[in-house]
Amino acid sequence: MMGKDPQDIFSRRGSAMSPSSGINAETEVYPPEALADEEPRYLRRQKPVEVRRKKFGRKNWPAYRRWLLAGVSLVAGGCLVYGGAQFFLFSPRVTLNSDDQIEVTGNRYVNTSLVTEKFEADLGRSVLRIPLDERRAELEAIPWIAQASIERVLPNRLLIELTERTPVAFLRAGNQLALVDENGVILDRPLEGDFHFPVAIGFDDSMPRPDRETRMHLYVQFMKEIDLAHPGATDQVSEVNLADAQDLRAAMAGLPGLEDQAPLQVHFGDGDFGNKYSLLLDNIGQWRASAGRVESVDLRFSRQVVVNPERDALLHEARYQTRSFKNTSPRKKE
């Protein structure tokens, strides 16, 4: 259609409009190409061409290398972690095979076998799979052990450091003589131990732990205060009765002027032990001179000292019983 002559087109248009053509000229059909050539040509906006960039161009190679290195590193790290976990959890080189791999320190009175037997269930197991908190609790349940520390020593050893309890007194319970610490924990007497303590009486293992602890704290305070008031005073204490938490009763032996008689029973109450002990030492001679034989002293009351309270109470009870007996005696028949 572009190759046709314009003059030919105009000649056709003139013939179509000539009056001699008649009605047939009006119904004449023109080819579409001719009509299309007669319309003006306009510049239409062309559809934009989508330019596709190459996904694997050279400019993106550094990023690809970084991702590749990261992936390789991740896989290698995962393999190392897995291999390490398999080694430390299941390898024979990290397995606890015997008691010889357990080192115990800090135990003077606790037998080492008593400690190592707590790990019998862990023999044949990796040291990393041993429940240290659970074993620590089991060790601290032993009366003599106050605190236990457990450490893993790779590849296959355990280090156990113990802190033992410190006894402060003997405890007489029936015919048995045990030891007791300041917290009221009753301890078995070790065969190799050499202890020099006063004997505590008035409680046993049937008493609740908090009550025992209260009484032993009172005992420790008493021993500390009298030793501060007069150094060496604790050597005169032979027995301490802690049955009453409000009244500590101590048997004192070898006091000045009383060396030739039985230990003196002293009621110290529940505090101010140093001043009460000084009062005892300063006045024991005077009390002996006025009362004769001094067997017990009650220092619980402020500004008042009762000498031989037990003997006076016994005499009063004996007199009362004698009167009662006389009053109830049968009368003679007339």
Protein backbone atom coordinates (compact mmCIF):
# COMPACT_ATOMS: atom_id res chain seq x y z
CA MET A 1 0.00 0.00 0.00
CA MET A 2 2.90 2.33 0.56
CA GLY A 3 4.03 1.88 -3.07
CA LYS A 4 0.85 3.22 -4.76
CA ASP A 5 0.83 6.50 -6.64
CA PRO A 6 -1.13 9.33 -4.97
CA GLN A 7 -2.39 10.57 -8.31
CA ASP A 8 -4.06 7.25 -8.92
CA ILE A 9 -5.88 7.62 -5.61
CA PHE A 10 -7.08 11.13 -6.45
CA SER A 11 -8.28 9.98 -9.94
CA ARG A 12 -10.40 7.29 -8.25
CA ARG A 13 -11.86 9.80 -5.85
CA GLY A 14 -12.74 12.15 -8.76
CA SER A 15 -14.45 9.38 -10.73
CA ALA A 16 -16.47 8.39 -7.74
CA MET A 17 -17.77 11.94 -7.32
CA SER A 18 -18.61 12.56 -10.95
CA PRO A 19 -22.35 12.88 -11.67
CA SER A 20 -22.21 10.54 -14.61
CA SER A 21 -21.47 7.61 -12.32
CA GLY A 22 -24.99 7.61 -10.91
CA ILE A 23 -26.17 5.51 -8.00
CA ASN A 24 -23.66 2.79 -8.65
CA ALA A 25 -20.89 5.20 -7.84
CA GLU A 26 -22.25 5.75 -4.34
CA THR A 27 -22.30 2.03 -3.60
CA GLU A 28 -18.88 1.37 -4.93
CA VAL A 29 -16.74 -0.49 -2.42
CA TYR A 30 -13.15 0.53 -2.01
CA PRO A 31 -10.46 -1.84 -0.85
CA PRO A 32 -9.37 -1.38 2.79
CA GLU A 33 -5.85 -0.57 1.68
CA ALA A 34 -7.08 2.50 -0.18
CA LEU A 35 -9.07 3.80 2.75
CA ALA A 36 -6.17 3.17 5.11
CA ASP A 37 -3.88 5.20 2.87
CA GLU A 38 -6.28 8.12 2.91
CA GLU A 39 -6.22 8.41 6.76
CA PRO A 40 -3.50 10.58 8.26
CA ARG A 41 -0.69 8.80 9.85
CA TYR A 42 -0.07 9.50 13.55
CA LEU A 43 2.97 8.54 15.65
CA ARG A 44 1.77 6.07 18.24
CA ARG A 45 3.60 5.36 21.52
CA GLN A 46 5.37 2.11 21.19
CA LYS A 47 5.15 -0.50 23.96
CA PRO A 48 8.27 -0.35 26.13
CA VAL A 49 10.64 -3.16 25.59
CA GLU A 50 11.49 -5.08 28.79
CA VAL A 51 15.19 -5.43 29.16
CA ARG A 52 16.15 -8.52 31.11
CA ARG A 53 19.35 -8.47 33.01
CA LYS A 54 21.45 -11.51 33.28
CA LYS A 55 21.17 -13.11 36.71
CA PHE A 56 24.58 -14.61 36.56
CA GLY A 57 26.50 -11.65 35.30
CA ARG A 58 30.06 -11.01 36.22
CA LYS A 59 29.08 -8.05 38.37
CA ASN A 60 27.28 -10.41 40.82
CA TRP A 61 30.14 -12.86 41.21
CA PRO A 62 31.51 -11.33 44.50
CA ALA A 63 28.11 -11.72 46.14
CA TYR A 64 27.88 -15.28 44.88
CA ARG A 65 31.30 -16.06 46.31
CA ARG A 66 30.32 -14.65 49.71
CA TRP A 67 27.18 -16.74 49.85
CA LEU A 68 29.09 -19.79 48.79
CA LEU A 69 31.75 -19.28 51.45
CA ALA A 70 29.08 -18.70 54.08
CA GLY A 71 27.32 -21.92 53.12
CA VAL A 72 30.53 -23.91 53.17
CA SER A 73 31.48 -22.44 56.54
CA LEU A 74 28.06 -23.25 57.96
CA VAL A 75 28.22 -26.85 56.80
CA ALA A 76 31.78 -27.25 58.06
CA GLY A 77 30.85 -25.74 61.44
CA GLY A 78 27.88 -28.05 61.76
CA CYS A 79 30.07 -31.04 60.99
CA LEU A 80 32.61 -29.95 63.61
CA VAL A 81 29.93 -29.42 66.25
CA TYR A 82 28.38 -32.78 65.53
CA GLY A 83 31.73 -34.52 65.59
CA GLY A 84 32.72 -32.77 68.82
CA ALA A 85 29.43 -33.66 70.47
CA GLN A 86 29.82 -37.28 69.47
CA PHE A 87 33.35 -37.33 70.86
CA PHE A 88 32.65 -35.64 74.21
CA LEU A 89 29.41 -37.49 74.85
CA PHE A 90 30.20 -41.02 73.70
CA SER A 91 33.94 -41.41 73.17
CA PRO A 92 35.72 -43.87 75.50
CA ARG A 93 38.41 -41.24 76.09
CA VAL A 94 35.96 -39.08 78.09
CA THR A 95 34.28 -41.93 79.97
CA LEU A 96 34.38 -42.29 83.76
CA ASN A 97 35.50 -45.88 84.17
CA SER A 98 36.65 -46.18 87.80
CA ASP A 99 36.88 -44.41 91.16
CA ASP A 100 40.55 -43.69 90.46
CA GLN A 101 39.42 -40.93 88.11
CA ILE A 102 37.73 -39.08 91.00
CA GLU A 103 39.98 -36.84 93.11
CA VAL A 104 38.63 -35.82 96.53
CA THR A 105 40.19 -33.01 98.57
CA GLY A 106 39.30 -31.26 101.83
CA ASN A 107 38.08 -34.40 103.60
CA ARG A 108 39.61 -35.02 106.99
CA TYR A 109 36.92 -37.09 108.66
CA VAL A 110 34.78 -38.11 105.68
CA ASN A 111 35.94 -41.35 104.13
CA THR A 112 36.78 -41.06 100.42
CA SER A 113 34.81 -44.21 99.62
CA LEU A 114 31.70 -42.57 101.06
CA VAL A 115 32.12 -39.84 98.44
CA THR A 116 33.00 -41.97 95.42
CA GLU A 117 30.09 -44.34 95.97
CA LYS A 118 27.73 -41.48 95.05
CA PHE A 119 29.12 -41.74 91.47
CA GLU A 120 28.64 -45.47 90.96
CA ALA A 121 25.66 -44.83 88.69
CA ASP A 122 27.90 -42.68 86.45
CA LEU A 123 30.55 -45.31 85.73
CA GLY A 124 30.73 -45.94 81.98
CA ARG A 125 29.25 -42.53 81.23
CA SER A 126 30.93 -39.46 79.75
CA VAL A 127 32.00 -36.93 82.38
CA LEU A 128 29.97 -34.33 80.49
CA ARG A 129 26.79 -36.32 81.03
CA ILE A 130 27.17 -36.57 84.81
CA PRO A 131 24.50 -34.45 86.62
CA LEU A 132 26.78 -32.39 88.84
CA ASP A 133 23.99 -30.55 90.69
CA GLU A 134 22.31 -33.80 91.63
CA ARG A 135 25.58 -35.34 92.84
CA ARG A 136 26.42 -32.19 94.80
CA ALA A 137 23.09 -32.40 96.63
CA GLU A 138 23.74 -36.06 97.47
CA LEU A 139 27.16 -35.23 98.90
CA GLU A 140 25.85 -32.35 100.99
CA ALA A 141 23.26 -34.71 102.46
CA ILE A 142 26.13 -36.46 104.28
CA PRO A 143 26.09 -34.95 107.82
CA TRP A 144 29.82 -34.19 107.96
CA ILE A 145 29.84 -32.33 104.61
CA ALA A 146 28.79 -28.67 104.83
CA GLN A 147 29.56 -27.82 101.19
CA ALA A 148 30.75 -29.71 98.11
CA SER A 149 32.20 -28.44 94.83
CA ILE A 150 32.48 -30.68 91.75
CA GLU A 151 34.47 -29.83 88.63
CA ARG A 152 35.05 -31.70 85.38
CA VAL A 153 38.68 -32.09 84.38
CA LEU A 154 38.84 -33.11 80.73
CA PRO A 155 39.09 -35.55 79.25
CA ASN A 156 37.84 -37.99 81.90
CA ARG A 157 38.38 -36.88 85.51
CA LEU A 158 36.37 -35.28 88.32
CA LEU A 159 37.71 -32.98 91.03
CA ILE A 160 35.65 -32.82 94.27
CA GLU A 161 36.46 -30.28 96.96
CA LEU A 162 34.73 -30.71 100.32
CA THR A 163 34.17 -28.36 103.23
CA GLU A 164 33.53 -30.34 106.40
CA ARG A 165 31.47 -29.21 109.35
CA THR A 166 33.21 -28.02 112.49
CA PRO A 167 31.97 -29.61 115.72
CA VAL A 168 31.75 -27.35 118.76
CA ALA A 169 30.51 -29.72 121.46
CA PHE A 170 29.89 -33.30 122.40
CA LEU A 171 26.25 -34.34 122.50
CA ARG A 172 25.04 -36.89 125.00
CA ALA A 173 21.90 -38.68 123.90
CA GLY A 174 21.21 -41.63 126.14
CA ASN A 175 24.35 -43.72 126.37
CA GLN A 176 25.74 -42.39 123.11
CA LEU A 177 28.22 -39.54 122.80
CA ALA A 178 28.21 -37.84 119.42
CA LEU A 179 29.34 -34.45 118.11
CA VAL A 180 27.27 -31.42 117.15
CA ASP A 181 28.12 -28.28 115.18
CA GLU A 182 26.88 -24.72 115.66
CA ASN A 183 23.87 -25.33 113.40
CA GLY A 184 22.60 -28.28 115.41
CA VAL A 185 23.75 -30.93 112.94
CA ILE A 186 24.56 -34.12 114.82
CA LEU A 187 27.77 -35.82 113.66
CA ASP A 188 29.16 -39.28 114.22
CA ARG A 189 32.39 -39.41 116.18
CA PRO A 190 35.28 -40.35 113.91
CA LEU A 191 37.71 -42.90 115.30
CA GLU A 192 40.76 -40.81 114.44
CA GLY A 193 39.41 -37.55 115.89
CA ASP A 194 40.78 -35.93 119.04
CA PHE A 195 38.30 -33.41 120.41
CA HIS A 196 38.09 -31.41 123.63
CA PHE A 197 34.66 -29.89 124.08
CA PRO A 198 32.05 -29.45 126.80
CA VAL A 199 29.19 -31.93 126.71
CA ALA A 200 25.82 -30.59 125.56
CA ILE A 201 22.66 -32.23 126.87
CA GLY A 202 18.95 -31.50 126.64
CA PHE A 203 18.17 -32.50 123.05
CA ASP A 204 18.74 -35.24 120.50
CA ASP A 205 18.05 -35.98 116.84
CA SER A 206 14.31 -36.27 117.52
CA MET A 207 14.14 -32.49 118.09
CA PRO A 208 13.42 -30.48 114.91
CA ARG A 209 16.48 -29.00 113.23
CA PRO A 210 15.44 -25.32 113.76
CA ASP A 211 15.07 -25.90 117.53
CA ARG A 212 18.46 -27.56 117.73
CA GLU A 213 19.99 -24.72 115.75
CA THR A 214 18.54 -22.13 118.16
CA ARG A 215 20.00 -23.90 121.16
CA MET A 216 23.42 -24.36 119.60
CA HIS A 217 23.60 -20.68 118.62
CA LEU A 218 22.91 -19.87 122.28
CA TYR A 219 25.71 -22.22 123.31
CA VAL A 220 28.20 -20.69 120.86
CA GLN A 221 27.32 -17.18 122.03
CA PHE A 222 27.82 -18.23 125.66
CA MET A 223 31.24 -19.75 125.02
CA LYS A 224 32.36 -16.73 123.03
CA GLU A 225 31.25 -14.11 125.57
CA ILE A 226 32.73 -15.73 128.67
CA ASP A 227 36.03 -16.27 126.87
CA LEU A 228 36.11 -12.59 125.90
CA ALA A 229 35.39 -11.58 129.51
CA HIS A 230 38.02 -13.93 130.95
CA PRO A 231 40.33 -15.75 128.50
CA GLY A 232 40.43 -19.45 129.25
CA ALA A 233 37.02 -19.44 130.94
CA THR A 234 35.70 -22.02 128.49
CA ASP A 235 38.08 -24.58 130.01
CA GLN A 236 35.98 -24.43 133.20
CA VAL A 237 32.78 -25.44 131.37
CA SER A 238 32.26 -29.19 131.60
CA GLU A 239 28.60 -29.54 130.65
CA VAL A 240 25.86 -27.32 129.20
CA ASN A 241 22.16 -28.10 129.53
CA LEU A 242 20.19 -26.72 126.59
CA ALA A 243 16.81 -28.26 127.30
CA ASP A 244 15.34 -24.78 127.89
CA ALA A 245 16.10 -22.29 125.11
CA GLN A 246 15.48 -19.45 127.58
CA ASP A 247 17.84 -20.72 130.27
CA LEU A 248 21.31 -22.02 129.53
CA ARG A 249 22.60 -24.02 132.50
CA ALA A 250 26.32 -24.68 132.69
CA ALA A 251 28.33 -26.92 134.98
CA MET A 252 31.46 -24.94 135.96
CA ALA A 253 34.45 -26.83 137.40
CA GLY A 254 37.63 -25.48 138.99
CA LEU A 255 36.31 -22.06 139.99
CA PRO A 256 38.42 -20.14 142.52
CA GLY A 257 37.73 -21.51 146.00
CA LEU A 258 35.66 -24.40 144.64
CA GLU A 259 38.42 -26.62 143.30
CA ASP A 260 37.71 -29.38 145.83
CA GLN A 261 34.02 -29.82 145.12
CA ALA A 262 31.75 -30.98 142.32
CA PRO A 263 31.08 -28.67 139.36
CA LEU A 264 28.91 -25.67 140.17
CA GLN A 265 25.54 -25.53 138.39
CA VAL A 266 24.91 -21.99 137.10
CA HIS A 267 21.73 -20.64 135.45
CA PHE A 268 22.87 -18.06 132.90
CA GLY A 269 19.53 -17.34 131.21
CA ASP A 270 19.64 -16.41 127.52
CA GLY A 271 22.05 -13.48 127.31
CA ASP A 272 24.62 -11.12 128.84
CA PHE A 273 26.83 -14.09 129.59
CA GLY A 274 30.10 -12.19 129.96
CA ASN A 275 28.85 -9.87 132.71
CA LYS A 276 27.12 -12.70 134.54
CA TYR A 277 30.28 -14.78 134.51
CA SER A 278 32.29 -11.83 135.88
CA LEU A 279 29.68 -11.42 138.63
CA LEU A 280 30.07 -15.09 139.48
CA LEU A 281 33.84 -14.89 139.81
CA ASP A 282 33.74 -11.69 141.87
CA ASN A 283 31.23 -12.95 144.44
CA ILE A 284 31.63 -16.71 144.69
CA GLY A 285 33.84 -16.41 147.76
CA GLN A 286 31.34 -14.19 149.58
CA TRP A 287 28.44 -16.48 148.72
CA ARG A 288 30.34 -19.49 150.00
CA ALA A 289 31.14 -17.74 153.26
CA SER A 290 27.49 -16.84 153.86
CA ALA A 291 25.79 -19.96 152.53
CA GLY A 292 28.39 -22.57 153.37
CA ARG A 293 28.49 -25.02 150.49
CA VAL A 294 27.55 -23.50 147.14
CA GLU A 295 26.14 -26.07 144.74
CA SER A 296 24.19 -23.90 142.30
CA VAL A 297 23.65 -20.25 141.45
CA ASP A 298 20.80 -18.62 139.54
CA LEU A 299 21.91 -15.50 137.64
CA ARG A 300 18.85 -15.06 135.42
CA PHE A 301 17.31 -12.20 137.34
CA SER A 302 18.41 -8.59 137.21
CA ARG A 303 20.00 -7.33 140.47
CA GLN A 304 19.22 -10.60 142.20
CA VAL A 305 21.25 -13.73 142.73
CA VAL A 306 19.79 -16.94 144.12
CA VAL A 307 22.31 -19.27 145.73
CA ASN A 308 21.49 -22.99 145.88
CA PRO A 309 18.01 -22.62 144.33
CA GLU A 310 17.67 -26.35 143.69
CA ARG A 311 18.56 -27.28 147.28
CA ASP A 312 16.16 -24.71 148.70
CA ALA A 313 13.42 -25.99 146.44
CA LEU A 314 14.08 -29.57 147.55
CA LEU A 315 14.07 -28.60 151.23
CA HIS A 316 10.82 -26.67 150.76
CA GLU A 317 9.25 -29.65 149.01
CA ALA A 318 10.46 -32.04 151.71
CA ARG A 319 9.03 -29.86 154.47
CA TYR A 320 5.71 -29.59 152.65
CA GLN A 321 5.52 -33.35 152.23
CA THR A 322 6.33 -33.86 155.94
CA ARG A 323 3.57 -31.48 157.01
CA SER A 324 1.10 -33.16 154.71
CA PHE A 325 2.01 -36.53 156.12
CA LYS A 326 1.51 -35.29 159.69
CA ASN A 327 -1.81 -33.69 158.88
CA THR A 328 -3.15 -36.82 157.24
CA SER A 329 -1.94 -39.27 159.88
CA PRO A 330 -4.79 -41.26 161.48
CA ARG A 331 -5.92 -40.21 165.00
CA LYS A 332 -5.84 -42.61 167.88
CA LYS A 333 -9.13 -43.98 168.99
CA GLU A 334 -10.22 -42.92 172.43
